[in-house]
């Protein structure tokens, strides 16, 4: 138990870094309890912490992901049928840390290869929404109970969403060219340990290049909310007692585009200001699972009826999850 507490405090929450940044801020004559000092501390501490965790986690996850490259993932999924295929697709999505936009080409490839569209949609929902890195980062910001609960509901949403699309028999609403796409066949070349390490390094650099700006913006917004926006204003709009808070947070999040790593600091600041946990997570899920760019990309591969069905199922699921977390926050915090 003591080892676990030390792991959470020093390796995940990085309390040593918190104290170092506090000393740095104090050295410039600023108090971290003041607005300016608190903002600077929040920004430096969260930025460094996220990038350290992100680099380490993406390296480890990418090494694991090297065993599940797209062709192999497609073949694994092709061996299963029914709800088991949806469950496996959702679980595989958690070990393939693609953003919502980069998941779309995989959706096209999997569908072209003959996988049921419900299975590919389970993967499409799970991949940007839930990954191993987000679990660790959620635990570092909140706690393990919240992180695990988030993963469970995310996978359940992916399974239910994909299964519902399967039951509705919407294959005819996939654009014809998707089925006509040629996909790679045959066995993939076996990777060596060096190949996997090189792949993991490349993924760290690639993902960091893609998300660094969103992390900086997210931490900046989080610092502003945490230290400059009065709690009374946030409570009036998104307070725990406001029935519309989850709805508003979900629909505000959907048009935006950011990685989950950029939205976590915002969620952290919102919860600190008295916003319901479910409301903050609904915003985060709306941004990552239903970003406007990914919807535009998906509209090129599916027809309006299937697109609207996908958006509707995921939106309703996110809202339900938000209210569920708000109702049972006392069990998680």
C-alpha atoms as a PDB file:
ATOM      1  CA  UNK A   1       0.000   0.000   0.000  1.00  0.00           C
ATOM      2  CA  UNK A   2       2.839   2.401   0.878  1.00  0.00           C
ATOM      3  CA  UNK A   3       4.548   1.590  -2.431  1.00  0.00           C
ATOM      4  CA  UNK A   4       1.323   2.306  -4.327  1.00  0.00           C
ATOM      5  CA  UNK A   5       0.879   5.634  -2.521  1.00  0.00           C
ATOM      6  CA  UNK A   6       4.470   6.584  -3.308  1.00  0.00           C
ATOM      7  CA  UNK A   7       3.968   5.589  -6.959  1.00  0.00           C
ATOM      8  CA  UNK A   8       0.835   7.739  -7.229  1.00  0.00           C
ATOM      9  CA  UNK A   9       2.345  10.716  -5.434  1.00  0.00           C
ATOM     10  CA  UNK A  10       5.828  10.804  -6.942  1.00  0.00           C
ATOM     11  CA  UNK A  11       5.552   9.142 -10.362  1.00  0.00           C
ATOM     12  CA  UNK A  12       2.000  10.013 -11.449  1.00  0.00           C
ATOM     13  CA  UNK A  13       1.135  13.241  -9.639  1.00  0.00           C
ATOM     14  CA  UNK A  14       4.840  14.199  -9.519  1.00  0.00           C
ATOM     15  CA  UNK A  15       4.678  15.984  -6.183  1.00  0.00           C
ATOM     16  CA  UNK A  16       8.455  16.475  -6.381  1.00  0.00           C
ATOM     17  CA  UNK A  17       7.903  18.522  -9.548  1.00  0.00           C
ATOM     18  CA  UNK A  18       5.097  20.484  -7.862  1.00  0.00           C
ATOM     19  CA  UNK A  19       7.491  21.497  -5.063  1.00  0.00           C
ATOM     20  CA  UNK A  20      10.317  22.344  -7.471  1.00  0.00           C
ATOM     21  CA  UNK A  21       8.068  24.621  -9.540  1.00  0.00           C
ATOM     22  CA  UNK A  22       6.769  26.207  -6.326  1.00  0.00           C
ATOM     23  CA  UNK A  23      10.361  27.007  -5.329  1.00  0.00           C
ATOM     24  CA  UNK A  24      10.985  28.475  -8.784  1.00  0.00           C
ATOM     25  CA  UNK A  25       7.897  30.693  -8.603  1.00  0.00           C
ATOM     26  CA  UNK A  26       8.803  31.807  -5.066  1.00  0.00           C
ATOM     27  CA  UNK A  27      12.339  32.637  -6.244  1.00  0.00           C
ATOM     28  CA  UNK A  28      10.810  35.316  -8.475  1.00  0.00           C
ATOM     29  CA  UNK A  29       8.968  36.808  -5.525  1.00  0.00           C
ATOM     30  CA  UNK A  30       5.561  35.346  -6.419  1.00  0.00           C
ATOM     31  CA  UNK A  31       3.121  33.504  -4.174  1.00  0.00           C
ATOM     32  CA  UNK A  32       1.464  30.449  -5.738  1.00  0.00           C
ATOM     33  CA  UNK A  33      -1.710  31.373  -3.834  1.00  0.00           C
ATOM     34  CA  UNK A  34      -1.926  34.609  -5.810  1.00  0.00           C
ATOM     35  CA  UNK A  35      -3.557  34.737  -9.249  1.00  0.00           C
ATOM     36  CA  UNK A  36      -0.345  35.436 -11.176  1.00  0.00           C
ATOM     37  CA  UNK A  37       1.808  33.058  -9.153  1.00  0.00           C
ATOM     38  CA  UNK A  38      -0.850  30.355  -9.191  1.00  0.00           C
ATOM     39  CA  UNK A  39      -1.305  30.656 -12.956  1.00  0.00           C
ATOM     40  CA  UNK A  40       2.427  30.438 -13.625  1.00  0.00           C
ATOM     41  CA  UNK A  41       2.764  27.463 -11.272  1.00  0.00           C
ATOM     42  CA  UNK A  42      -0.219  25.637 -12.830  1.00  0.00           C
ATOM     43  CA  UNK A  43       1.092  26.239 -16.349  1.00  0.00           C
ATOM     44  CA  UNK A  44       4.696  25.166 -15.759  1.00  0.00           C
ATOM     45  CA  UNK A  45       3.849  22.209 -13.521  1.00  0.00           C
ATOM     46  CA  UNK A  46       1.066  20.753 -15.673  1.00  0.00           C
ATOM     47  CA  UNK A  47       2.942  21.288 -18.950  1.00  0.00           C
ATOM     48  CA  UNK A  48       6.113  19.553 -17.773  1.00  0.00           C
ATOM     49  CA  UNK A  49       4.169  16.762 -16.045  1.00  0.00           C
ATOM     50  CA  UNK A  50       2.028  16.020 -19.100  1.00  0.00           C
ATOM     51  CA  UNK A  51       4.961  15.979 -21.512  1.00  0.00           C
ATOM     52  CA  UNK A  52       7.026  13.703 -19.240  1.00  0.00           C
ATOM     53  CA  UNK A  53       4.150  11.253 -18.808  1.00  0.00           C
ATOM     54  CA  UNK A  54       3.195  11.554 -22.464  1.00  0.00           C
ATOM     55  CA  UNK A  55       6.692  10.715 -23.717  1.00  0.00           C
ATOM     56  CA  UNK A  56       7.134   7.734 -21.413  1.00  0.00           C
ATOM     57  CA  UNK A  57       3.636   6.383 -21.974  1.00  0.00           C
ATOM     58  CA  UNK A  58       3.564   6.813 -25.744  1.00  0.00           C
ATOM     59  CA  UNK A  59       6.899   5.008 -26.008  1.00  0.00           C
ATOM     60  CA  UNK A  60       5.612   2.059 -23.995  1.00  0.00           C
ATOM     61  CA  UNK A  61       2.214   1.989 -25.668  1.00  0.00           C
ATOM     62  CA  UNK A  62       3.728   2.281 -29.144  1.00  0.00           C
ATOM     63  CA  UNK A  63       6.027  -0.632 -28.417  1.00  0.00           C
ATOM     64  CA  UNK A  64       2.925  -2.665 -27.551  1.00  0.00           C
ATOM     65  CA  UNK A  65       1.124  -1.225 -30.564  1.00  0.00           C
ATOM     66  CA  UNK A  66       3.899  -2.538 -32.835  1.00  0.00           C
ATOM     67  CA  UNK A  67       2.380  -5.989 -32.258  1.00  0.00           C
ATOM     68  CA  UNK A  68      -1.011  -4.711 -33.487  1.00  0.00           C
ATOM     69  CA  UNK A  69      -0.264  -2.891 -36.732  1.00  0.00           C
ATOM     70  CA  UNK A  70      -3.340  -2.248 -38.933  1.00  0.00           C
ATOM     71  CA  UNK A  71      -3.064  -5.420 -41.035  1.00  0.00           C
ATOM     72  CA  UNK A  72      -2.635  -7.660 -38.017  1.00  0.00           C
ATOM     73  CA  UNK A  73      -5.428  -5.849 -36.172  1.00  0.00           C
ATOM     74  CA  UNK A  74      -7.721  -6.416 -39.168  1.00  0.00           C
ATOM     75  CA  UNK A  75      -6.897 -10.124 -39.235  1.00  0.00           C
ATOM     76  CA  UNK A  76      -7.512 -10.520 -35.497  1.00  0.00           C
ATOM     77  CA  UNK A  77     -10.889  -8.786 -35.759  1.00  0.00           C
ATOM     78  CA  UNK A  78     -11.807 -10.886 -38.792  1.00  0.00           C
ATOM     79  CA  UNK A  79     -11.746 -14.057 -36.700  1.00  0.00           C
ATOM     80  CA  UNK A  80     -14.641 -12.977 -34.483  1.00  0.00           C
ATOM     81  CA  UNK A  81     -18.336 -12.430 -35.079  1.00  0.00           C
ATOM     82  CA  UNK A  82     -21.228 -10.744 -33.313  1.00  0.00           C
ATOM     83  CA  UNK A  83     -20.876  -8.823 -30.083  1.00  0.00           C
ATOM     84  CA  UNK A  84     -17.534 -10.519 -29.347  1.00  0.00           C
ATOM     85  CA  UNK A  85     -16.104  -8.826 -32.427  1.00  0.00           C
ATOM     86  CA  UNK A  86     -17.387  -5.466 -31.135  1.00  0.00           C
ATOM     87  CA  UNK A  87     -15.865  -6.082 -27.718  1.00  0.00           C
ATOM     88  CA  UNK A  88     -12.508  -7.033 -29.227  1.00  0.00           C
ATOM     89  CA  UNK A  89     -12.572  -4.025 -31.569  1.00  0.00           C
ATOM     90  CA  UNK A  90     -13.262  -1.701 -28.632  1.00  0.00           C
ATOM     91  CA  UNK A  91     -10.457  -3.272 -26.591  1.00  0.00           C
ATOM     92  CA  UNK A  92      -8.003  -3.102 -29.498  1.00  0.00           C
ATOM     93  CA  UNK A  93      -8.936   0.560 -29.842  1.00  0.00           C
ATOM     94  CA  UNK A  94      -7.580   1.155 -26.342  1.00  0.00           C
ATOM     95  CA  UNK A  95      -4.084  -0.036 -27.341  1.00  0.00           C
ATOM     96  CA  UNK A  96      -3.998   1.921 -30.595  1.00  0.00           C
ATOM     97  CA  UNK A  97      -3.702   5.591 -29.570  1.00  0.00           C
ATOM     98  CA  UNK A  98      -5.032   7.237 -32.719  1.00  0.00           C
ATOM     99  CA  UNK A  99      -6.796  10.581 -32.664  1.00  0.00           C
ATOM    100  CA  UNK A 100     -10.279  10.742 -34.181  1.00  0.00           C
ATOM    101  CA  UNK A 101      -8.968  11.975 -37.556  1.00  0.00           C
ATOM    102  CA  UNK A 102      -6.253   9.344 -37.949  1.00  0.00           C
ATOM    103  CA  UNK A 103      -8.784   6.647 -37.030  1.00  0.00           C
ATOM    104  CA  UNK A 104     -10.854   7.401 -40.158  1.00  0.00           C
ATOM    105  CA  UNK A 105      -8.371   5.881 -42.663  1.00  0.00           C
ATOM    106  CA  UNK A 106      -8.287   2.752 -40.506  1.00  0.00           C
ATOM    107  CA  UNK A 107     -12.086   2.654 -40.581  1.00  0.00           C
ATOM    108  CA  UNK A 108     -11.948   2.762 -44.387  1.00  0.00           C
ATOM    109  CA  UNK A 109      -9.252   0.084 -44.502  1.00  0.00           C
ATOM    110  CA  UNK A 110     -11.070  -2.260 -42.141  1.00  0.00           C
ATOM    111  CA  UNK A 111     -14.376  -1.829 -43.974  1.00  0.00           C
ATOM    112  CA  UNK A 112     -12.656  -2.392 -47.330  1.00  0.00           C
ATOM    113  CA  UNK A 113     -11.227  -5.627 -45.976  1.00  0.00           C
ATOM    114  CA  UNK A 114     -14.723  -6.934 -45.323  1.00  0.00           C
ATOM    115  CA  UNK A 115     -15.121  -6.332 -41.593  1.00  0.00           C
ATOM    116  CA  UNK A 116     -18.717  -5.523 -40.545  1.00  0.00           C
ATOM    117  CA  UNK A 117     -19.255  -1.790 -40.228  1.00  0.00           C
ATOM    118  CA  UNK A 118     -20.517  -2.211 -36.671  1.00  0.00           C
ATOM    119  CA  UNK A 119     -17.175  -3.702 -35.678  1.00  0.00           C
ATOM    120  CA  UNK A 120     -15.222  -0.924 -37.367  1.00  0.00           C
ATOM    121  CA  UNK A 121     -17.402   1.688 -35.650  1.00  0.00           C
ATOM    122  CA  UNK A 122     -16.662   0.104 -32.260  1.00  0.00           C
ATOM    123  CA  UNK A 123     -12.974   0.588 -33.051  1.00  0.00           C
ATOM    124  CA  UNK A 124     -13.622   4.112 -34.362  1.00  0.00           C
ATOM    125  CA  UNK A 125     -15.356   5.144 -31.131  1.00  0.00           C
ATOM    126  CA  UNK A 126     -12.880   3.501 -28.765  1.00  0.00           C
ATOM    127  CA  UNK A 127      -9.583   4.460 -30.411  1.00  0.00           C
ATOM    128  CA  UNK A 128      -9.605   8.240 -29.844  1.00  0.00           C
ATOM    129  CA  UNK A 129     -11.703   8.065 -26.694  1.00  0.00           C
ATOM    130  CA  UNK A 130      -9.851   5.530 -24.573  1.00  0.00           C
ATOM    131  CA  UNK A 131      -6.172   4.624 -24.645  1.00  0.00           C
ATOM    132  CA  UNK A 132      -3.623   3.478 -22.113  1.00  0.00           C
ATOM    133  CA  UNK A 133      -1.992   6.903 -21.946  1.00  0.00           C
ATOM    134  CA  UNK A 134      -5.269   8.593 -21.052  1.00  0.00           C
ATOM    135  CA  UNK A 135      -5.795   6.077 -18.243  1.00  0.00           C
ATOM    136  CA  UNK A 136      -2.479   6.995 -16.616  1.00  0.00           C
ATOM    137  CA  UNK A 137      -3.000  10.731 -17.149  1.00  0.00           C
ATOM    138  CA  UNK A 138      -6.502  10.576 -15.667  1.00  0.00           C
ATOM    139  CA  UNK A 139      -5.087   8.744 -12.661  1.00  0.00           C
ATOM    140  CA  UNK A 140      -2.350  11.375 -12.314  1.00  0.00           C
ATOM    141  CA  UNK A 141      -4.882  14.216 -12.333  1.00  0.00           C
ATOM    142  CA  UNK A 142      -7.783  12.582 -10.462  1.00  0.00           C
ATOM    143  CA  UNK A 143      -7.410   9.015  -9.158  1.00  0.00           C
ATOM    144  CA  UNK A 144      -7.388   5.396 -10.262  1.00  0.00           C
ATOM    145  CA  UNK A 145     -11.090   4.821  -9.598  1.00  0.00           C
ATOM    146  CA  UNK A 146     -12.028   7.615 -11.986  1.00  0.00           C
ATOM    147  CA  UNK A 147      -9.514   6.454 -14.599  1.00  0.00           C
ATOM    148  CA  UNK A 148     -10.757   2.858 -14.544  1.00  0.00           C
ATOM    149  CA  UNK A 149     -14.420   3.921 -14.528  1.00  0.00           C
ATOM    150  CA  UNK A 150     -13.758   6.170 -17.546  1.00  0.00           C
ATOM    151  CA  UNK A 151     -12.170   3.308 -19.469  1.00  0.00           C
ATOM    152  CA  UNK A 152     -15.010   0.927 -18.641  1.00  0.00           C
ATOM    153  CA  UNK A 153     -17.763   3.313 -19.761  1.00  0.00           C
ATOM    154  CA  UNK A 154     -15.763   4.279 -22.859  1.00  0.00           C
ATOM    155  CA  UNK A 155     -15.408   0.648 -23.936  1.00  0.00           C
ATOM    156  CA  UNK A 156     -19.086  -0.014 -23.144  1.00  0.00           C
ATOM    157  CA  UNK A 157     -20.089   2.974 -25.293  1.00  0.00           C
ATOM    158  CA  UNK A 158     -17.940   1.666 -28.162  1.00  0.00           C
ATOM    159  CA  UNK A 159     -19.466  -1.820 -27.909  1.00  0.00           C
ATOM    160  CA  UNK A 160     -23.054  -0.564 -27.659  1.00  0.00           C
ATOM    161  CA  UNK A 161     -22.551   1.987 -30.450  1.00  0.00           C
ATOM    162  CA  UNK A 162     -21.015  -0.525 -32.847  1.00  0.00           C
ATOM    163  CA  UNK A 163     -23.590  -3.208 -31.996  1.00  0.00           C
ATOM    164  CA  UNK A 164     -26.464  -0.778 -32.558  1.00  0.00           C
ATOM    165  CA  UNK A 165     -25.094   0.165 -35.983  1.00  0.00           C
ATOM    166  CA  UNK A 166     -24.786  -3.552 -36.830  1.00  0.00           C
ATOM    167  CA  UNK A 167     -28.417  -4.171 -35.843  1.00  0.00           C
ATOM    168  CA  UNK A 168     -29.636  -1.253 -37.969  1.00  0.00           C
ATOM    169  CA  UNK A 169     -28.129  -2.824 -41.155  1.00  0.00           C
ATOM    170  CA  UNK A 170     -26.705   0.413 -42.548  1.00  0.00           C
ATOM    171  CA  UNK A 171     -24.108  -1.095 -44.909  1.00  0.00           C
ATOM    172  CA  UNK A 172     -25.755   0.518 -47.930  1.00  0.00           C
ATOM    173  CA  UNK A 173     -24.966   3.948 -46.468  1.00  0.00           C
ATOM    174  CA  UNK A 174     -21.213   3.453 -46.797  1.00  0.00           C
ATOM    175  CA  UNK A 175     -19.824   5.186 -49.890  1.00  0.00           C
ATOM    176  CA  UNK A 176     -19.238   2.630 -52.708  1.00  0.00           C
ATOM    177  CA  UNK A 177     -15.566   3.523 -53.148  1.00  0.00           C
ATOM    178  CA  UNK A 178     -14.839   2.312 -49.585  1.00  0.00           C
ATOM    179  CA  UNK A 179     -15.766  -1.250 -50.500  1.00  0.00           C
ATOM    180  CA  UNK A 180     -13.734  -0.960 -53.683  1.00  0.00           C
ATOM    181  CA  UNK A 181     -10.520   0.086 -51.944  1.00  0.00           C
ATOM    182  CA  UNK A 182      -7.687  -2.404 -52.218  1.00  0.00           C
ATOM    183  CA  UNK A 183      -6.111  -3.423 -48.952  1.00  0.00           C
ATOM    184  CA  UNK A 184      -2.789  -5.006 -48.197  1.00  0.00           C
ATOM    185  CA  UNK A 185      -2.848  -8.770 -47.995  1.00  0.00           C
ATOM    186  CA  UNK A 186      -0.345 -11.326 -46.836  1.00  0.00           C
ATOM    187  CA  UNK A 187       1.758 -11.564 -43.709  1.00  0.00           C
ATOM    188  CA  UNK A 188       3.528  -8.543 -42.302  1.00  0.00           C
ATOM    189  CA  UNK A 189       7.264  -8.737 -41.897  1.00  0.00           C
ATOM    190  CA  UNK A 190       8.202  -9.694 -38.342  1.00  0.00           C
ATOM    191  CA  UNK A 191       9.712  -6.757 -36.468  1.00  0.00           C
ATOM    192  CA  UNK A 192      12.873  -7.036 -34.405  1.00  0.00           C
ATOM    193  CA  UNK A 193      13.262  -5.478 -30.960  1.00  0.00           C
ATOM    194  CA  UNK A 194      15.267  -2.651 -32.558  1.00  0.00           C
ATOM    195  CA  UNK A 195      12.481  -2.110 -35.118  1.00  0.00           C
ATOM    196  CA  UNK A 196       9.921  -1.862 -32.327  1.00  0.00           C
ATOM    197  CA  UNK A 197      12.073   0.558 -30.308  1.00  0.00           C
ATOM    198  CA  UNK A 198      12.636   2.713 -33.415  1.00  0.00           C
ATOM    199  CA  UNK A 199       8.889   2.622 -34.120  1.00  0.00           C
ATOM    200  CA  UNK A 200       8.149   3.680 -30.522  1.00  0.00           C
ATOM    201  CA  UNK A 201      10.641   6.569 -30.747  1.00  0.00           C
ATOM    202  CA  UNK A 202       9.086   7.726 -34.016  1.00  0.00           C
ATOM    203  CA  UNK A 203       5.626   7.594 -32.460  1.00  0.00           C
ATOM    204  CA  UNK A 204       6.760   9.692 -29.486  1.00  0.00           C
ATOM    205  CA  UNK A 205       8.121  12.365 -31.839  1.00  0.00           C
ATOM    206  CA  UNK A 206       5.151  12.185 -34.207  1.00  0.00           C
ATOM    207  CA  UNK A 207       2.461  12.326 -31.538  1.00  0.00           C
ATOM    208  CA  UNK A 208       4.291  15.022 -29.574  1.00  0.00           C
ATOM    209  CA  UNK A 209       4.541  17.153 -32.727  1.00  0.00           C
ATOM    210  CA  UNK A 210       0.813  16.716 -33.320  1.00  0.00           C
ATOM    211  CA  UNK A 211      -0.408  17.412 -29.792  1.00  0.00           C
ATOM    212  CA  UNK A 212       2.077  19.847 -28.226  1.00  0.00           C
ATOM    213  CA  UNK A 213       0.122  22.925 -29.265  1.00  0.00           C
ATOM    214  CA  UNK A 214      -3.148  21.489 -27.938  1.00  0.00           C
ATOM    215  CA  UNK A 215      -1.446  20.630 -24.647  1.00  0.00           C
ATOM    216  CA  UNK A 216      -0.068  24.177 -24.312  1.00  0.00           C
ATOM    217  CA  UNK A 217      -3.452  25.711 -25.163  1.00  0.00           C
ATOM    218  CA  UNK A 218      -5.281  23.305 -22.860  1.00  0.00           C
ATOM    219  CA  UNK A 219      -2.945  23.980 -19.944  1.00  0.00           C
ATOM    220  CA  UNK A 220      -3.196  27.719 -20.594  1.00  0.00           C
ATOM    221  CA  UNK A 221      -6.994  27.589 -20.539  1.00  0.00           C
ATOM    222  CA  UNK A 222      -6.860  25.410 -17.434  1.00  0.00           C
ATOM    223  CA  UNK A 223      -4.561  27.892 -15.679  1.00  0.00           C
ATOM    224  CA  UNK A 224      -6.887  30.777 -16.585  1.00  0.00           C
ATOM    225  CA  UNK A 225      -9.973  28.926 -15.350  1.00  0.00           C
ATOM    226  CA  UNK A 226      -8.214  27.780 -12.188  1.00  0.00           C
ATOM    227  CA  UNK A 227      -6.898  31.190 -11.150  1.00  0.00           C
ATOM    228  CA  UNK A 228      -8.814  33.934 -12.944  1.00  0.00           C
ATOM    229  CA  UNK A 229     -12.413  32.864 -13.592  1.00  0.00           C
ATOM    230  CA  UNK A 230     -14.556  33.322 -10.466  1.00  0.00           C
ATOM    231  CA  UNK A 231     -16.089  30.126  -9.167  1.00  0.00           C
ATOM    232  CA  UNK A 232     -19.488  31.830  -9.009  1.00  0.00           C
ATOM    233  CA  UNK A 233     -19.525  32.353 -12.793  1.00  0.00           C
ATOM    234  CA  UNK A 234     -18.600  28.741 -13.555  1.00  0.00           C
ATOM    235  CA  UNK A 235     -21.104  27.452 -11.004  1.00  0.00           C
ATOM    236  CA  UNK A 236     -23.850  29.562 -12.568  1.00  0.00           C
ATOM    237  CA  UNK A 237     -23.197  28.033 -15.985  1.00  0.00           C
ATOM    238  CA  UNK A 238     -21.904  24.528 -15.263  1.00  0.00           C
ATOM    239  CA  UNK A 239     -22.575  24.006 -11.570  1.00  0.00           C
ATOM    240  CA  UNK A 240     -23.311  20.551 -10.183  1.00  0.00           C
ATOM    241  CA  UNK A 241     -26.893  21.595  -9.490  1.00  0.00           C
ATOM    242  CA  UNK A 242     -27.561  22.665 -13.097  1.00  0.00           C
ATOM    243  CA  UNK A 243     -29.480  19.980 -15.002  1.00  0.00           C
ATOM    244  CA  UNK A 244     -28.272  21.326 -18.349  1.00  0.00           C
ATOM    245  CA  UNK A 245     -24.554  21.306 -17.517  1.00  0.00           C
ATOM    246  CA  UNK A 246     -23.763  17.943 -19.151  1.00  0.00           C
ATOM    247  CA  UNK A 247     -25.763  18.819 -22.275  1.00  0.00           C
ATOM    248  CA  UNK A 248     -24.033  22.175 -22.606  1.00  0.00           C
ATOM    249  CA  UNK A 249     -20.548  20.741 -22.027  1.00  0.00           C
ATOM    250  CA  UNK A 250     -21.108  18.000 -24.628  1.00  0.00           C
ATOM    251  CA  UNK A 251     -22.375  20.308 -27.352  1.00  0.00           C
ATOM    252  CA  UNK A 252     -19.671  22.908 -26.654  1.00  0.00           C
ATOM    253  CA  UNK A 253     -17.021  20.209 -26.969  1.00  0.00           C
ATOM    254  CA  UNK A 254     -18.187  18.662 -30.252  1.00  0.00           C
ATOM    255  CA  UNK A 255     -17.206  21.509 -32.643  1.00  0.00           C
ATOM    256  CA  UNK A 256     -13.751  21.758 -31.096  1.00  0.00           C
ATOM    257  CA  UNK A 257     -10.700  19.733 -32.047  1.00  0.00           C
ATOM    258  CA  UNK A 258      -8.041  18.741 -29.555  1.00  0.00           C
ATOM    259  CA  UNK A 259      -6.368  15.624 -28.300  1.00  0.00           C
ATOM    260  CA  UNK A 260      -7.414  14.141 -24.970  1.00  0.00           C
ATOM    261  CA  UNK A 261      -4.062  15.314 -23.576  1.00  0.00           C
ATOM    262  CA  UNK A 262      -5.036  18.922 -24.251  1.00  0.00           C
ATOM    263  CA  UNK A 263      -8.501  18.625 -22.710  1.00  0.00           C
ATOM    264  CA  UNK A 264      -7.426  16.962 -19.460  1.00  0.00           C
ATOM    265  CA  UNK A 265      -5.998  20.176 -17.890  1.00  0.00           C
ATOM    266  CA  UNK A 266      -9.260  21.950 -18.715  1.00  0.00           C
ATOM    267  CA  UNK A 267     -11.265  19.155 -17.086  1.00  0.00           C
ATOM    268  CA  UNK A 268      -8.973  19.333 -14.056  1.00  0.00           C
ATOM    269  CA  UNK A 269      -9.525  23.090 -13.671  1.00  0.00           C
ATOM    270  CA  UNK A 270     -13.296  22.801 -14.152  1.00  0.00           C
ATOM    271  CA  UNK A 271     -13.634  20.142 -11.451  1.00  0.00           C
ATOM    272  CA  UNK A 272     -11.474  22.252  -9.100  1.00  0.00           C
ATOM    273  CA  UNK A 273     -13.927  25.131  -9.649  1.00  0.00           C
ATOM    274  CA  UNK A 274     -16.933  23.046  -8.636  1.00  0.00           C
ATOM    275  CA  UNK A 275     -18.052  21.656 -12.008  1.00  0.00           C
ATOM    276  CA  UNK A 276     -19.421  18.123 -11.825  1.00  0.00           C
ATOM    277  CA  UNK A 277     -16.990  15.352 -12.728  1.00  0.00           C
ATOM    278  CA  UNK A 278     -19.408  13.990 -15.328  1.00  0.00           C
ATOM    279  CA  UNK A 279     -19.806  17.447 -16.878  1.00  0.00           C
ATOM    280  CA  UNK A 280     -16.039  17.860 -17.262  1.00  0.00           C
ATOM    281  CA  UNK A 281     -15.645  14.357 -18.707  1.00  0.00           C
ATOM    282  CA  UNK A 282     -18.565  14.901 -21.110  1.00  0.00           C
ATOM    283  CA  UNK A 283     -16.772  17.971 -22.479  1.00  0.00           C
ATOM    284  CA  UNK A 284     -13.562  15.986 -22.819  1.00  0.00           C
ATOM    285  CA  UNK A 285     -15.303  13.078 -24.571  1.00  0.00           C
ATOM    286  CA  UNK A 286     -17.181  15.384 -26.928  1.00  0.00           C
ATOM    287  CA  UNK A 287     -13.928  17.019 -28.025  1.00  0.00           C
ATOM    288  CA  UNK A 288     -12.061  13.752 -28.575  1.00  0.00           C
ATOM    289  CA  UNK A 289     -14.759  11.461 -30.000  1.00  0.00           C
ATOM    290  CA  UNK A 290     -16.840  13.862 -32.100  1.00  0.00           C
ATOM    291  CA  UNK A 291     -14.510  16.621 -33.225  1.00  0.00           C
ATOM    292  CA  UNK A 292     -15.695  18.589 -36.249  1.00  0.00           C
ATOM    293  CA  UNK A 293     -12.674  17.700 -38.449  1.00  0.00           C
ATOM    294  CA  UNK A 294     -13.198  13.978 -37.868  1.00  0.00           C
ATOM    295  CA  UNK A 295     -16.906  14.278 -38.671  1.00  0.00           C
ATOM    296  CA  UNK A 296     -16.058  16.075 -41.917  1.00  0.00           C
ATOM    297  CA  UNK A 297     -13.556  13.345 -42.818  1.00  0.00           C
ATOM    298  CA  UNK A 298     -16.030  10.589 -41.982  1.00  0.00           C
ATOM    299  CA  UNK A 299     -18.695  12.290 -44.136  1.00  0.00           C
ATOM    300  CA  UNK A 300     -16.510  11.520 -47.160  1.00  0.00           C
ATOM    301  CA  UNK A 301     -16.711   7.785 -46.396  1.00  0.00           C
ATOM    302  CA  UNK A 302     -20.323   7.358 -45.263  1.00  0.00           C
ATOM    303  CA  UNK A 303     -23.664   8.794 -46.320  1.00  0.00           C
ATOM    304  CA  UNK A 304     -25.647  11.284 -44.196  1.00  0.00           C
ATOM    305  CA  UNK A 305     -27.971   8.701 -42.596  1.00  0.00           C
ATOM    306  CA  UNK A 306     -25.101   6.574 -41.262  1.00  0.00           C
ATOM    307  CA  UNK A 307     -23.145   9.670 -40.221  1.00  0.00           C
ATOM    308  CA  UNK A 308     -26.142  11.069 -38.332  1.00  0.00           C
ATOM    309  CA  UNK A 309     -26.740   7.685 -36.672  1.00  0.00           C
ATOM    310  CA  UNK A 310     -23.117   7.514 -35.517  1.00  0.00           C
ATOM    311  CA  UNK A 311     -23.156  11.091 -34.181  1.00  0.00           C
ATOM    312  CA  UNK A 312     -26.509  10.527 -32.470  1.00  0.00           C
ATOM    313  CA  UNK A 313     -25.489   7.284 -30.753  1.00  0.00           C
ATOM    314  CA  UNK A 314     -22.167   8.672 -29.508  1.00  0.00           C
ATOM    315  CA  UNK A 315     -23.705  11.986 -28.384  1.00  0.00           C
ATOM    316  CA  UNK A 316     -26.464  10.255 -26.415  1.00  0.00           C
ATOM    317  CA  UNK A 317     -23.869   7.897 -24.938  1.00  0.00           C
ATOM    318  CA  UNK A 318     -21.608  10.751 -23.832  1.00  0.00           C
ATOM    319  CA  UNK A 319     -24.515  12.618 -22.249  1.00  0.00           C
ATOM    320  CA  UNK A 320     -25.645   9.461 -20.416  1.00  0.00           C
ATOM    321  CA  UNK A 321     -22.092   8.863 -19.164  1.00  0.00           C
ATOM    322  CA  UNK A 322     -21.862  12.477 -17.999  1.00  0.00           C
ATOM    323  CA  UNK A 323     -25.017  12.231 -15.920  1.00  0.00           C
ATOM    324  CA  UNK A 324     -23.923   8.823 -14.610  1.00  0.00           C
ATOM    325  CA  UNK A 325     -20.602  10.199 -13.374  1.00  0.00           C
ATOM    326  CA  UNK A 326     -22.316  13.228 -11.831  1.00  0.00           C
ATOM    327  CA  UNK A 327     -24.723  10.942  -9.975  1.00  0.00           C
ATOM    328  CA  UNK A 328     -22.027   8.679  -8.557  1.00  0.00           C
ATOM    329  CA  UNK A 329     -19.136  11.118  -8.067  1.00  0.00           C
ATOM    330  CA  UNK A 330     -19.217  10.473  -4.329  1.00  0.00           C
ATOM    331  CA  UNK A 331     -18.111   6.902  -5.010  1.00  0.00           C
ATOM    332  CA  UNK A 332     -15.161   7.976  -7.154  1.00  0.00           C
ATOM    333  CA  UNK A 333     -13.592  10.991  -5.420  1.00  0.00           C
END
